[in-house]
Amino acid sequence: MIKLQRVNKYYPSGAGRLHVLKDIDLTIEQGDYLSIMGPSGSGKSTLLNMLGLLDTIDEGEYTLEGHPTRALGEEQRAELRARYIGFIFQSFQLIDRLTAFENVALPLILAEVPTRERRQRVNRLLEQVGLAHRAEHRPPQLSGGQLQRVAIARALVMQPTLILADEPTGNLDQQSGNDIVHLLEALNKEGITLIVVTHDNAVGERAQRRIRMVDGVISQL
């Protein structure tokens, strides 16, 4: 599904440039459950952004579902993101003026999915994440755990094959965090590839495969 070959990424820094990812080689198969751990500044979030096609690589190649991505323009990367990738963020990134239903439905509206199919997909997902009874509530009316469940439903609504989760339990209490991890793991058992970036060793150690990053290098597989 995913193959990185000698991937390098640089960012401008003063008069020079900062080498953020260094000759990254990584293969991820469909259905894998992978955690990426490491200290702040190690490159793990940058790697997640590369995998999510939110940023471009400077050297090497990234192939997603057989598609080489390095030479793609933003519109082409957006098409691949919409087809294959769902994102879950620590800060939820929901729109406060929209209900839970409307937040989940938003990607379908942008993709011009017909109304009846939108309603069916959203209702099914809200039921799956245990929030059917909160469909008409807005984010300020929901707990942290409920907000993350809405975000997960939104990530799934385009039926992705890959979920990228950036610190998905970082803003949650322990019980809510455990519930979210179990929900993500249930999705992985259904065949979705799951990649989690986390500072929490207890969360990271649950993954089938674990990567530790230090100074832009994969130091442990």
N, C-alpha and C. Protein backbone atom coordinates (compact mmCIF):
# COMPACT_ATOMS: atom_id res chain seq x y z
N MET A 1 0.81 -1.21 0.00
CA MET A 1 0.00 0.00 0.00
C MET A 1 0.85 1.27 0.00
N ILE A 2 1.84 1.32 0.91
CA ILE A 2 2.71 2.49 1.06
C ILE A 2 4.17 2.05 0.93
N LYS A 3 4.93 2.81 0.16
CA LYS A 3 6.36 2.54 0.08
C LYS A 3 7.11 3.87 0.01
N LEU A 4 8.00 4.08 0.98
CA LEU A 4 8.90 5.23 0.99
C LEU A 4 10.30 4.74 0.67
N GLN A 5 10.96 5.41 -0.26
CA GLN A 5 12.31 5.03 -0.67
C GLN A 5 13.23 6.24 -0.58
N ARG A 6 14.14 6.19 0.38
CA ARG A 6 15.16 7.22 0.58
C ARG A 6 14.55 8.63 0.55
N VAL A 7 13.52 8.81 1.35
CA VAL A 7 12.79 10.08 1.39
C VAL A 7 13.53 11.08 2.28
N ASN A 8 13.72 12.28 1.76
CA ASN A 8 14.34 13.37 2.50
C ASN A 8 13.44 14.61 2.44
N LYS A 9 13.44 15.35 3.55
CA LYS A 9 12.68 16.59 3.60
C LYS A 9 13.52 17.65 4.29
N TYR A 10 13.54 18.86 3.72
CA TYR A 10 14.28 19.98 4.27
C TYR A 10 13.34 21.17 4.48
N TYR A 11 13.63 21.97 5.50
CA TYR A 11 12.92 23.23 5.71
C TYR A 11 13.94 24.36 5.82
N PRO A 12 13.61 25.54 5.32
CA PRO A 12 14.53 26.69 5.46
C PRO A 12 14.79 26.98 6.94
N SER A 13 16.05 27.31 7.25
CA SER A 13 16.42 27.64 8.62
C SER A 13 17.57 28.64 8.58
N GLY A 14 17.22 29.91 8.83
CA GLY A 14 18.26 30.93 8.76
C GLY A 14 18.83 31.03 7.36
N ALA A 15 20.15 30.98 7.29
CA ALA A 15 20.81 31.07 5.99
C ALA A 15 20.92 29.72 5.31
N GLY A 16 20.57 28.65 6.03
CA GLY A 16 20.70 27.31 5.46
C GLY A 16 19.37 26.60 5.43
N ARG A 17 19.41 25.29 5.66
CA ARG A 17 18.18 24.52 5.70
C ARG A 17 18.31 23.40 6.73
N LEU A 18 17.17 23.03 7.28
CA LEU A 18 17.10 22.00 8.31
C LEU A 18 16.70 20.69 7.67
N HIS A 19 17.49 19.65 7.93
CA HIS A 19 17.25 18.33 7.36
C HIS A 19 16.32 17.57 8.31
N VAL A 20 15.03 17.51 7.97
CA VAL A 20 14.01 17.02 8.91
C VAL A 20 13.79 15.51 8.78
N LEU A 21 13.72 15.00 7.57
CA LEU A 21 13.63 13.55 7.33
C LEU A 21 14.86 13.12 6.54
N LYS A 22 15.49 12.01 6.98
CA LYS A 22 16.78 11.63 6.44
C LYS A 22 16.74 10.21 5.91
N ASP A 23 16.69 10.08 4.58
CA ASP A 23 16.78 8.78 3.90
C ASP A 23 15.83 7.75 4.50
N ILE A 24 14.55 8.12 4.58
CA ILE A 24 13.54 7.24 5.17
C ILE A 24 13.15 6.14 4.19
N ASP A 25 13.31 4.89 4.59
CA ASP A 25 12.82 3.73 3.85
C ASP A 25 11.76 3.04 4.70
N LEU A 26 10.57 2.84 4.14
CA LEU A 26 9.49 2.26 4.93
C LEU A 26 8.44 1.66 3.99
N THR A 27 8.02 0.45 4.32
CA THR A 27 6.93 -0.20 3.59
C THR A 27 5.81 -0.54 4.57
N ILE A 28 4.59 -0.19 4.20
CA ILE A 28 3.41 -0.45 5.03
C ILE A 28 2.39 -1.18 4.17
N GLU A 29 1.95 -2.34 4.65
CA GLU A 29 0.99 -3.14 3.89
C GLU A 29 -0.44 -2.79 4.29
N GLN A 30 -1.38 -3.11 3.41
CA GLN A 30 -2.79 -2.92 3.72
C GLN A 30 -3.16 -3.70 4.98
N GLY A 31 -3.84 -3.03 5.92
CA GLY A 31 -4.26 -3.67 7.15
C GLY A 31 -3.26 -3.58 8.28
N ASP A 32 -2.07 -2.98 8.06
CA ASP A 32 -1.08 -2.82 9.12
C ASP A 32 -1.60 -1.87 10.20
N TYR A 33 -1.03 -2.04 11.39
CA TYR A 33 -1.31 -1.15 12.53
C TYR A 33 0.05 -0.70 13.04
N LEU A 34 0.40 0.55 12.77
CA LEU A 34 1.75 1.07 12.99
C LEU A 34 1.69 2.30 13.89
N SER A 35 2.59 2.35 14.87
CA SER A 35 2.73 3.56 15.67
C SER A 35 4.07 4.21 15.36
N ILE A 36 4.09 5.54 15.41
CA ILE A 36 5.30 6.33 15.21
C ILE A 36 5.52 7.13 16.49
N MET A 37 6.61 6.87 17.18
CA MET A 37 6.91 7.52 18.44
C MET A 37 8.25 8.23 18.36
N GLY A 38 8.48 9.14 19.31
CA GLY A 38 9.74 9.87 19.36
C GLY A 38 9.54 11.21 20.02
N PRO A 39 10.62 11.85 20.43
CA PRO A 39 10.52 13.15 21.10
C PRO A 39 10.07 14.24 20.16
N SER A 40 9.66 15.38 20.72
CA SER A 40 9.31 16.54 19.90
C SER A 40 10.51 16.92 19.03
N GLY A 41 10.23 17.23 17.76
CA GLY A 41 11.29 17.60 16.85
C GLY A 41 11.99 16.44 16.19
N SER A 42 11.51 15.22 16.44
CA SER A 42 12.19 14.04 15.88
C SER A 42 11.83 13.80 14.42
N GLY A 43 10.75 14.43 13.94
CA GLY A 43 10.33 14.26 12.55
C GLY A 43 9.09 13.42 12.37
N LYS A 44 8.49 12.96 13.47
CA LYS A 44 7.35 12.03 13.33
C LYS A 44 6.12 12.71 12.73
N SER A 45 5.82 13.95 13.13
CA SER A 45 4.68 14.64 12.54
C SER A 45 4.94 15.01 11.09
N THR A 46 6.19 15.35 10.78
CA THR A 46 6.54 15.62 9.39
C THR A 46 6.35 14.37 8.55
N LEU A 47 6.75 13.22 9.07
CA LEU A 47 6.55 11.97 8.35
C LEU A 47 5.06 11.71 8.13
N LEU A 48 4.24 11.96 9.14
CA LEU A 48 2.80 11.77 8.99
C LEU A 48 2.24 12.70 7.91
N ASN A 49 2.73 13.94 7.87
CA ASN A 49 2.28 14.87 6.84
C ASN A 49 2.68 14.40 5.44
N MET A 50 3.85 13.79 5.34
CA MET A 50 4.26 13.23 4.05
C MET A 50 3.33 12.09 3.64
N LEU A 51 3.05 11.19 4.59
CA LEU A 51 2.18 10.06 4.31
C LEU A 51 0.78 10.53 3.92
N GLY A 52 0.33 11.63 4.53
CA GLY A 52 -1.00 12.16 4.24
C GLY A 52 -1.06 13.09 3.04
N LEU A 53 0.06 13.26 2.36
CA LEU A 53 0.14 14.14 1.18
C LEU A 53 -0.24 15.58 1.52
N LEU A 54 -0.02 15.96 2.78
CA LEU A 54 -0.22 17.34 3.19
C LEU A 54 1.01 18.19 2.92
N ASP A 55 2.13 17.54 2.71
CA ASP A 55 3.39 18.21 2.39
C ASP A 55 4.10 17.36 1.34
N THR A 56 5.07 17.94 0.68
CA THR A 56 5.77 17.25 -0.39
C THR A 56 7.18 16.86 0.06
N ILE A 57 7.69 15.78 -0.52
CA ILE A 57 9.05 15.36 -0.22
C ILE A 57 10.01 16.10 -1.15
N ASP A 58 11.26 16.22 -0.73
CA ASP A 58 12.26 16.90 -1.54
C ASP A 58 13.13 15.93 -2.32
N GLU A 59 13.36 14.76 -1.77
CA GLU A 59 14.16 13.74 -2.44
C GLU A 59 13.57 12.37 -2.13
N GLY A 60 13.76 11.43 -3.07
CA GLY A 60 13.24 10.09 -2.88
C GLY A 60 11.88 9.93 -3.52
N GLU A 61 11.17 8.87 -3.13
CA GLU A 61 9.85 8.61 -3.70
C GLU A 61 8.90 8.05 -2.66
N TYR A 62 7.66 8.46 -2.78
CA TYR A 62 6.58 7.95 -1.96
C TYR A 62 5.51 7.41 -2.90
N THR A 63 5.23 6.12 -2.79
CA THR A 63 4.22 5.48 -3.62
C THR A 63 3.04 5.08 -2.74
N LEU A 64 1.85 5.52 -3.10
CA LEU A 64 0.62 5.22 -2.36
C LEU A 64 -0.32 4.46 -3.28
N GLU A 65 -0.64 3.23 -2.93
CA GLU A 65 -1.54 2.39 -3.72
C GLU A 65 -1.12 2.36 -5.19
N GLY A 66 0.20 2.23 -5.41
CA GLY A 66 0.72 2.14 -6.76
C GLY A 66 0.92 3.47 -7.46
N HIS A 67 0.59 4.59 -6.80
CA HIS A 67 0.71 5.91 -7.41
C HIS A 67 1.97 6.61 -6.91
N PRO A 68 2.99 6.82 -7.77
CA PRO A 68 4.12 7.66 -7.35
C PRO A 68 3.61 9.09 -7.12
N THR A 69 4.03 9.70 -6.01
CA THR A 69 3.40 10.97 -5.62
C THR A 69 4.32 12.19 -5.71
N ARG A 70 5.61 11.97 -5.87
CA ARG A 70 6.53 13.12 -5.74
C ARG A 70 6.25 14.22 -6.76
N ALA A 71 5.90 13.86 -7.98
CA ALA A 71 5.73 14.86 -9.04
C ALA A 71 4.30 15.38 -9.15
N LEU A 72 3.42 14.95 -8.26
CA LEU A 72 2.02 15.35 -8.36
C LEU A 72 1.81 16.79 -7.91
N GLY A 73 0.87 17.46 -8.56
CA GLY A 73 0.46 18.79 -8.13
C GLY A 73 -0.52 18.69 -6.98
N GLU A 74 -0.89 19.84 -6.39
CA GLU A 74 -1.78 19.85 -5.24
C GLU A 74 -3.15 19.23 -5.55
N GLU A 75 -3.69 19.52 -6.72
CA GLU A 75 -5.00 18.97 -7.07
C GLU A 75 -4.95 17.45 -7.15
N GLN A 76 -3.88 16.92 -7.73
CA GLN A 76 -3.75 15.46 -7.83
C GLN A 76 -3.54 14.83 -6.45
N ARG A 77 -2.76 15.49 -5.58
CA ARG A 77 -2.59 14.98 -4.22
C ARG A 77 -3.91 15.00 -3.46
N ALA A 78 -4.70 16.06 -3.67
CA ALA A 78 -6.00 16.16 -3.01
C ALA A 78 -6.92 15.02 -3.46
N GLU A 79 -6.86 14.65 -4.71
CA GLU A 79 -7.68 13.55 -5.22
C GLU A 79 -7.30 12.24 -4.53
N LEU A 80 -5.99 12.00 -4.37
CA LEU A 80 -5.54 10.78 -3.69
C LEU A 80 -5.93 10.80 -2.22
N ARG A 81 -5.80 11.95 -1.56
CA ARG A 81 -6.22 12.05 -0.16
C ARG A 81 -7.69 11.70 -0.02
N ALA A 82 -8.53 12.26 -0.90
CA ALA A 82 -9.97 12.02 -0.81
C ALA A 82 -10.29 10.55 -1.07
N ARG A 83 -9.51 9.90 -1.91
CA ARG A 83 -9.80 8.51 -2.28
C ARG A 83 -9.33 7.51 -1.23
N TYR A 84 -8.19 7.79 -0.59
CA TYR A 84 -7.56 6.77 0.23
C TYR A 84 -7.40 7.10 1.71
N ILE A 85 -7.39 8.39 2.11
CA ILE A 85 -6.88 8.77 3.43
C ILE A 85 -7.93 9.46 4.27
N GLY A 86 -8.02 9.05 5.54
CA GLY A 86 -8.81 9.75 6.53
C GLY A 86 -7.89 10.25 7.64
N PHE A 87 -8.13 11.48 8.13
CA PHE A 87 -7.27 12.11 9.13
C PHE A 87 -8.01 12.27 10.45
N ILE A 88 -7.28 12.01 11.55
CA ILE A 88 -7.79 12.27 12.90
C ILE A 88 -6.74 13.09 13.63
N PHE A 89 -7.14 14.25 14.17
CA PHE A 89 -6.19 15.17 14.78
C PHE A 89 -6.45 15.30 16.28
N GLN A 90 -5.42 15.66 17.01
CA GLN A 90 -5.52 15.87 18.45
C GLN A 90 -6.54 16.96 18.79
N SER A 91 -6.62 17.99 17.95
CA SER A 91 -7.48 19.15 18.23
C SER A 91 -8.87 19.01 17.61
N PHE A 92 -9.19 17.83 17.07
CA PHE A 92 -10.51 17.49 16.52
C PHE A 92 -10.80 18.20 15.20
N GLN A 93 -10.57 19.51 15.13
CA GLN A 93 -10.79 20.32 13.93
C GLN A 93 -12.22 20.21 13.41
N LEU A 94 -13.16 20.32 14.32
CA LEU A 94 -14.57 20.37 13.95
C LEU A 94 -15.03 21.83 13.85
N ILE A 95 -16.14 22.07 13.18
CA ILE A 95 -16.68 23.42 13.00
C ILE A 95 -17.79 23.63 14.02
N ASP A 96 -17.59 24.58 14.92
CA ASP A 96 -18.49 24.76 16.06
C ASP A 96 -19.93 25.07 15.67
N ARG A 97 -20.14 25.75 14.55
CA ARG A 97 -21.51 26.15 14.19
C ARG A 97 -22.28 25.02 13.52
N LEU A 98 -21.59 23.91 13.20
CA LEU A 98 -22.26 22.76 12.57
C LEU A 98 -22.55 21.69 13.61
N THR A 99 -23.63 20.95 13.40
CA THR A 99 -23.94 19.82 14.27
C THR A 99 -22.96 18.68 14.01
N ALA A 100 -23.00 17.67 14.89
CA ALA A 100 -22.18 16.48 14.67
C ALA A 100 -22.48 15.88 13.30
N PHE A 101 -23.78 15.76 12.98
CA PHE A 101 -24.17 15.22 11.67
C PHE A 101 -23.56 16.05 10.54
N GLU A 102 -23.67 17.36 10.63
CA GLU A 102 -23.18 18.23 9.56
C GLU A 102 -21.66 18.18 9.44
N ASN A 103 -20.95 18.09 10.58
CA ASN A 103 -19.49 17.97 10.52
C ASN A 103 -19.08 16.70 9.80
N VAL A 104 -19.74 15.59 10.09
CA VAL A 104 -19.40 14.32 9.45
C VAL A 104 -19.76 14.36 7.96
N ALA A 105 -20.86 15.03 7.64
CA ALA A 105 -21.34 15.07 6.25
C ALA A 105 -20.52 15.99 5.36
N LEU A 106 -19.76 16.91 5.95
CA LEU A 106 -19.10 17.95 5.16
C LEU A 106 -18.24 17.41 4.02
N PRO A 107 -17.37 16.39 4.23
CA PRO A 107 -16.58 15.88 3.09
C PRO A 107 -17.46 15.34 1.96
N LEU A 108 -18.61 14.77 2.30
CA LEU A 108 -19.51 14.24 1.28
C LEU A 108 -20.16 15.38 0.49
N ILE A 109 -20.48 16.48 1.18
CA ILE A 109 -21.04 17.64 0.48
C ILE A 109 -20.02 18.19 -0.51
N LEU A 110 -18.77 18.31 -0.05
CA LEU A 110 -17.71 18.83 -0.93
C LEU A 110 -17.48 17.91 -2.12
N ALA A 111 -17.69 16.61 -1.92
CA ALA A 111 -17.51 15.63 -3.00
C ALA A 111 -18.78 15.46 -3.83
N GLU A 112 -19.82 16.24 -3.52
CA GLU A 112 -21.09 16.24 -4.26
C GLU A 112 -21.77 14.87 -4.26
N VAL A 113 -21.67 14.17 -3.12
CA VAL A 113 -22.38 12.91 -2.94
C VAL A 113 -23.86 13.22 -2.77
N PRO A 114 -24.75 12.47 -3.43
CA PRO A 114 -26.19 12.76 -3.34
C PRO A 114 -26.70 12.74 -1.91
N THR A 115 -27.74 13.55 -1.66
CA THR A 115 -28.26 13.75 -0.31
C THR A 115 -28.65 12.45 0.38
N ARG A 116 -29.36 11.58 -0.31
CA ARG A 116 -29.83 10.34 0.32
C ARG A 116 -28.66 9.48 0.76
N GLU A 117 -27.65 9.35 -0.10
CA GLU A 117 -26.48 8.55 0.26
C GLU A 117 -25.71 9.21 1.40
N ARG A 118 -25.62 10.54 1.39
CA ARG A 118 -24.96 11.25 2.50
C ARG A 118 -25.63 10.92 3.81
N ARG A 119 -26.94 11.01 3.83
CA ARG A 119 -27.69 10.77 5.07
C ARG A 119 -27.46 9.34 5.57
N GLN A 120 -27.48 8.40 4.65
CA GLN A 120 -27.30 7.00 5.04
C GLN A 120 -25.90 6.76 5.61
N ARG A 121 -24.89 7.30 4.93
CA ARG A 121 -23.50 7.09 5.39
C ARG A 121 -23.28 7.72 6.76
N VAL A 122 -23.74 8.95 6.91
CA VAL A 122 -23.49 9.67 8.16
C VAL A 122 -24.23 9.01 9.32
N ASN A 123 -25.47 8.65 9.11
CA ASN A 123 -26.23 8.00 10.18
C ASN A 123 -25.59 6.67 10.57
N ARG A 124 -25.12 5.92 9.60
CA ARG A 124 -24.48 4.64 9.89
C ARG A 124 -23.20 4.83 10.70
N LEU A 125 -22.41 5.83 10.35
CA LEU A 125 -21.16 6.06 11.06
C LEU A 125 -21.38 6.61 12.46
N LEU A 126 -22.33 7.50 12.62
CA LEU A 126 -22.63 8.01 13.96
C LEU A 126 -23.13 6.88 14.86
N GLU A 127 -23.88 5.97 14.29
CA GLU A 127 -24.30 4.78 15.05
C GLU A 127 -23.08 3.93 15.40
N GLN A 128 -22.16 3.77 14.45
CA GLN A 128 -20.97 2.93 14.67
C GLN A 128 -20.10 3.48 15.80
N VAL A 129 -19.98 4.80 15.89
CA VAL A 129 -19.13 5.40 16.93
C VAL A 129 -19.91 5.73 18.20
N GLY A 130 -21.18 5.32 18.25
CA GLY A 130 -21.97 5.47 19.47
C GLY A 130 -22.50 6.86 19.71
N LEU A 131 -22.73 7.63 18.63
CA LEU A 131 -23.19 9.01 18.81
C LEU A 131 -24.46 9.33 18.03
N ALA A 132 -25.23 8.32 17.67
CA ALA A 132 -26.46 8.59 16.93
C ALA A 132 -27.38 9.52 17.72
N HIS A 133 -27.36 9.40 19.05
CA HIS A 133 -28.24 10.22 19.89
C HIS A 133 -27.72 11.65 20.05
N ARG A 134 -26.52 11.92 19.54
CA ARG A 134 -25.94 13.26 19.63
C ARG A 134 -25.81 13.93 18.26
N ALA A 135 -26.47 13.40 17.27
CA ALA A 135 -26.30 13.86 15.89
C ALA A 135 -26.59 15.34 15.72
N GLU A 136 -27.56 15.88 16.48
CA GLU A 136 -27.95 17.28 16.32
C GLU A 136 -27.25 18.21 17.31
N HIS A 137 -26.32 17.69 18.08
CA HIS A 137 -25.56 18.53 19.01
C HIS A 137 -24.37 19.15 18.29
N ARG A 138 -24.02 20.36 18.71
CA ARG A 138 -22.85 21.04 18.15
C ARG A 138 -21.64 20.77 19.05
N PRO A 139 -20.41 20.96 18.52
CA PRO A 139 -19.20 20.65 19.30
C PRO A 139 -19.16 21.22 20.72
N PRO A 140 -19.59 22.49 20.97
CA PRO A 140 -19.54 22.98 22.36
C PRO A 140 -20.43 22.20 23.32
N GLN A 141 -21.35 21.40 22.80
CA GLN A 141 -22.25 20.62 23.64
C GLN A 141 -21.75 19.19 23.86
N LEU A 142 -20.57 18.87 23.36
CA LEU A 142 -20.05 17.51 23.42
C LEU A 142 -18.79 17.45 24.28
N SER A 143 -18.55 16.28 24.88
CA SER A 143 -17.32 16.05 25.66
C SER A 143 -16.15 15.82 24.72
N GLY A 144 -14.93 15.80 25.28
CA GLY A 144 -13.74 15.55 24.47
C GLY A 144 -13.81 14.21 23.76
N GLY A 145 -14.21 13.17 24.48
CA GLY A 145 -14.31 11.86 23.87
C GLY A 145 -15.34 11.82 22.75
N GLN A 146 -16.46 12.52 22.95
CA GLN A 146 -17.48 12.58 21.91
C GLN A 146 -16.99 13.36 20.70
N LEU A 147 -16.26 14.45 20.94
CA LEU A 147 -15.69 15.21 19.82
C LEU A 147 -14.76 14.35 18.98
N GLN A 148 -13.94 13.53 19.66
CA GLN A 148 -13.02 12.69 18.90
C GLN A 148 -13.78 11.61 18.13
N ARG A 149 -14.88 11.13 18.67
CA ARG A 149 -15.71 10.16 17.95
C ARG A 149 -16.34 10.77 16.69
N VAL A 150 -16.77 12.02 16.81
CA VAL A 150 -17.27 12.72 15.62
C VAL A 150 -16.15 12.85 14.59
N ALA A 151 -14.96 13.20 15.05
CA ALA A 151 -13.82 13.34 14.14
C ALA A 151 -13.49 12.02 13.46
N ILE A 152 -13.62 10.91 14.19
CA ILE A 152 -13.37 9.60 13.60
C ILE A 152 -14.42 9.29 12.54
N ALA A 153 -15.69 9.57 12.85
CA ALA A 153 -16.75 9.35 11.87
C ALA A 153 -16.50 10.18 10.61
N ARG A 154 -16.08 11.43 10.80
CA ARG A 154 -15.78 12.27 9.63
C ARG A 154 -14.62 11.69 8.82
N ALA A 155 -13.60 11.15 9.51
CA ALA A 155 -12.46 10.56 8.81
C ALA A 155 -12.86 9.34 8.00
N LEU A 156 -13.91 8.65 8.43
CA LEU A 156 -14.34 7.42 7.76
C LEU A 156 -15.37 7.64 6.67
N VAL A 157 -15.95 8.83 6.60
CA VAL A 157 -17.14 9.00 5.77
C VAL A 157 -16.85 8.85 4.28
N MET A 158 -15.62 9.10 3.85
CA MET A 158 -15.25 8.92 2.44
C MET A 158 -14.73 7.51 2.16
N GLN A 159 -14.89 6.63 3.15
CA GLN A 159 -14.52 5.22 3.03
C GLN A 159 -13.04 5.02 2.66
N PRO A 160 -12.14 5.59 3.46
CA PRO A 160 -10.71 5.48 3.17
C PRO A 160 -10.18 4.08 3.48
N THR A 161 -9.02 3.77 2.92
CA THR A 161 -8.33 2.53 3.25
C THR A 161 -7.23 2.77 4.28
N LEU A 162 -6.90 4.04 4.54
CA LEU A 162 -5.81 4.42 5.44
C LEU A 162 -6.29 5.50 6.41
N ILE A 163 -6.09 5.27 7.71
CA ILE A 163 -6.37 6.28 8.73
C ILE A 163 -5.05 6.76 9.32
N LEU A 164 -4.83 8.08 9.31
CA LEU A 164 -3.66 8.70 9.93
C LEU A 164 -4.14 9.46 11.16
N ALA A 165 -3.67 9.06 12.33
CA ALA A 165 -4.12 9.65 13.59
C ALA A 165 -2.94 10.34 14.28
N ASP A 166 -3.04 11.66 14.44
CA ASP A 166 -1.96 12.45 15.05
C ASP A 166 -2.35 12.76 16.49
N GLU A 167 -1.73 12.06 17.44
CA GLU A 167 -2.01 12.23 18.87
C GLU A 167 -3.52 12.16 19.15
N PRO A 168 -4.20 11.09 18.74
CA PRO A 168 -5.66 11.06 18.84
C PRO A 168 -6.19 11.03 20.26
N THR A 169 -5.34 10.71 21.26
CA THR A 169 -5.78 10.70 22.65
C THR A 169 -5.19 11.84 23.46
N GLY A 170 -4.47 12.74 22.80
CA GLY A 170 -3.69 13.76 23.50
C GLY A 170 -4.51 14.73 24.34
N ASN A 171 -5.76 15.02 23.93
CA ASN A 171 -6.59 15.98 24.65
C ASN A 171 -7.69 15.31 25.46
N LEU A 172 -7.54 14.00 25.72
CA LEU A 172 -8.61 13.25 26.37
C LEU A 172 -8.18 12.73 27.73
N ASP A 173 -9.16 12.53 28.62
CA ASP A 173 -8.87 11.85 29.87
C ASP A 173 -8.59 10.37 29.58
N GLN A 174 -8.08 9.66 30.58
CA GLN A 174 -7.61 8.30 30.35
C GLN A 174 -8.72 7.37 29.84
N GLN A 175 -9.90 7.43 30.44
CA GLN A 175 -10.98 6.54 30.01
C GLN A 175 -11.42 6.85 28.59
N SER A 176 -11.59 8.13 28.27
CA SER A 176 -11.98 8.50 26.91
C SER A 176 -10.89 8.10 25.91
N GLY A 177 -9.62 8.29 26.31
CA GLY A 177 -8.52 7.89 25.45
C GLY A 177 -8.53 6.40 25.17
N ASN A 178 -8.76 5.61 26.21
CA ASN A 178 -8.83 4.16 26.03
C ASN A 178 -9.97 3.77 25.09
N ASP A 179 -11.11 4.44 25.24
CA ASP A 179 -12.26 4.15 24.37
C ASP A 179 -11.93 4.46 22.91
N ILE A 180 -11.23 5.56 22.67
CA ILE A 180 -10.87 5.94 21.30
C ILE A 180 -9.88 4.94 20.71
N VAL A 181 -8.89 4.52 21.50
CA VAL A 181 -7.92 3.53 21.02
C VAL A 181 -8.63 2.24 20.65
N HIS A 182 -9.57 1.79 21.48
CA HIS A 182 -10.30 0.55 21.18
C HIS A 182 -11.13 0.69 19.92
N LEU A 183 -11.72 1.87 19.71
CA LEU A 183 -12.50 2.11 18.50
C LEU A 183 -11.60 2.06 17.26
N LEU A 184 -10.44 2.71 17.33
CA LEU A 184 -9.51 2.68 16.19
C LEU A 184 -9.02 1.26 15.92
N GLU A 185 -8.75 0.51 16.96
CA GLU A 185 -8.29 -0.86 16.78
C GLU A 185 -9.37 -1.73 16.17
N ALA A 186 -10.63 -1.48 16.51
CA ALA A 186 -11.74 -2.22 15.90
C ALA A 186 -11.81 -1.93 14.40
N LEU A 187 -11.57 -0.68 14.01
CA LEU A 187 -11.54 -0.32 12.59
C LEU A 187 -10.40 -1.02 11.88
N ASN A 188 -9.24 -1.10 12.53
CA ASN A 188 -8.10 -1.81 11.95
C ASN A 188 -8.42 -3.28 11.73
N LYS A 189 -9.14 -3.89 12.65
CA LYS A 189 -9.50 -5.30 12.50
C LYS A 189 -10.45 -5.52 11.33
N GLU A 190 -11.14 -4.45 10.91
CA GLU A 190 -12.01 -4.53 9.75
C GLU A 190 -11.23 -4.37 8.44
N GLY A 191 -9.91 -4.12 8.55
CA GLY A 191 -9.07 -4.06 7.36
C GLY A 191 -8.50 -2.70 7.03
N ILE A 192 -8.87 -1.67 7.79
CA ILE A 192 -8.32 -0.33 7.54
C ILE A 192 -6.90 -0.26 8.07
N THR A 193 -5.99 0.27 7.28
CA THR A 193 -4.62 0.50 7.72
C THR A 193 -4.61 1.67 8.70
N LEU A 194 -3.95 1.49 9.84
CA LEU A 194 -3.97 2.49 10.92
C LEU A 194 -2.55 2.89 11.26
N ILE A 195 -2.27 4.20 11.17
CA ILE A 195 -0.97 4.75 11.54
C ILE A 195 -1.20 5.83 12.60
N VAL A 196 -0.59 5.65 13.76
CA VAL A 196 -0.81 6.54 14.90
C VAL A 196 0.51 7.19 15.31
N VAL A 197 0.54 8.52 15.35
CA VAL A 197 1.65 9.26 15.94
C VAL A 197 1.28 9.58 17.38
N THR A 198 2.16 9.25 18.31
CA THR A 198 1.83 9.46 19.72
C THR A 198 3.07 9.67 20.57
N HIS A 199 2.91 10.49 21.63
CA HIS A 199 3.93 10.61 22.67
C HIS A 199 3.70 9.59 23.78
N ASP A 200 2.53 8.97 23.78
CA ASP A 200 2.13 8.08 24.85
C ASP A 200 2.63 6.67 24.57
N ASN A 201 3.63 6.23 25.34
CA ASN A 201 4.20 4.90 25.10
C ASN A 201 3.16 3.79 25.25
N ALA A 202 2.22 3.97 26.19
CA ALA A 202 1.20 2.94 26.40
C ALA A 202 0.33 2.78 25.15
N VAL A 203 0.05 3.90 24.46
CA VAL A 203 -0.72 3.83 23.22
C VAL A 203 0.16 3.25 22.10
N GLY A 204 1.37 3.74 21.99
CA GLY A 204 2.25 3.29 20.92
C GLY A 204 2.58 1.81 20.99
N GLU A 205 2.73 1.29 22.20
CA GLU A 205 3.11 -0.11 22.35
C GLU A 205 1.99 -1.07 21.96
N ARG A 206 0.79 -0.58 21.80
CA ARG A 206 -0.33 -1.45 21.42
C ARG A 206 -0.26 -1.83 19.94
N ALA A 207 0.45 -1.05 19.14
CA ALA A 207 0.49 -1.28 17.70
C ALA A 207 1.22 -2.58 17.35
N GLN A 208 0.84 -3.16 16.23
CA GLN A 208 1.49 -4.38 15.76
C GLN A 208 2.93 -4.11 15.34
N ARG A 209 3.15 -2.92 14.76
CA ARG A 209 4.50 -2.49 14.37
C ARG A 209 4.75 -1.14 15.00
N ARG A 210 6.00 -0.93 15.44
CA ARG A 210 6.34 0.31 16.13
C ARG A 210 7.61 0.90 15.53
N ILE A 211 7.55 2.20 15.27
CA ILE A 211 8.69 2.94 14.75
C ILE A 211 9.06 4.01 15.78
N ARG A 212 10.33 4.15 16.03
CA ARG A 212 10.80 5.27 16.86
C ARG A 212 11.68 6.15 15.98
N MET A 213 11.41 7.46 16.05
CA MET A 213 12.19 8.40 15.27
C MET A 213 13.03 9.27 16.18
N VAL A 214 14.28 9.50 15.77
CA VAL A 214 15.21 10.38 16.47
C VAL A 214 15.95 11.19 15.41
N ASP A 215 15.84 12.52 15.51
CA ASP A 215 16.57 13.41 14.60
C ASP A 215 16.33 13.07 13.12
N GLY A 216 15.07 12.78 12.78
CA GLY A 216 14.73 12.55 11.38
C GLY A 216 15.07 11.20 10.83
N VAL A 217 15.50 10.30 11.71
CA VAL A 217 15.90 8.96 11.28
C VAL A 217 15.04 7.91 12.00
N ILE A 218 14.64 6.87 11.27
CA ILE A 218 13.96 5.75 11.91
C ILE A 218 15.01 4.93 12.65
N SER A 219 14.87 4.87 13.97
CA SER A 219 15.88 4.20 14.76
C SER A 219 15.45 2.81 15.25
N GLN A 220 14.16 2.50 15.05
CA GLN A 220 13.69 1.20 15.54
C GLN A 220 12.50 0.77 14.72
N LEU A 221 12.48 -0.49 14.29
CA LEU A 221 11.36 -1.03 13.53
C LEU A 221 10.84 -2.27 14.22
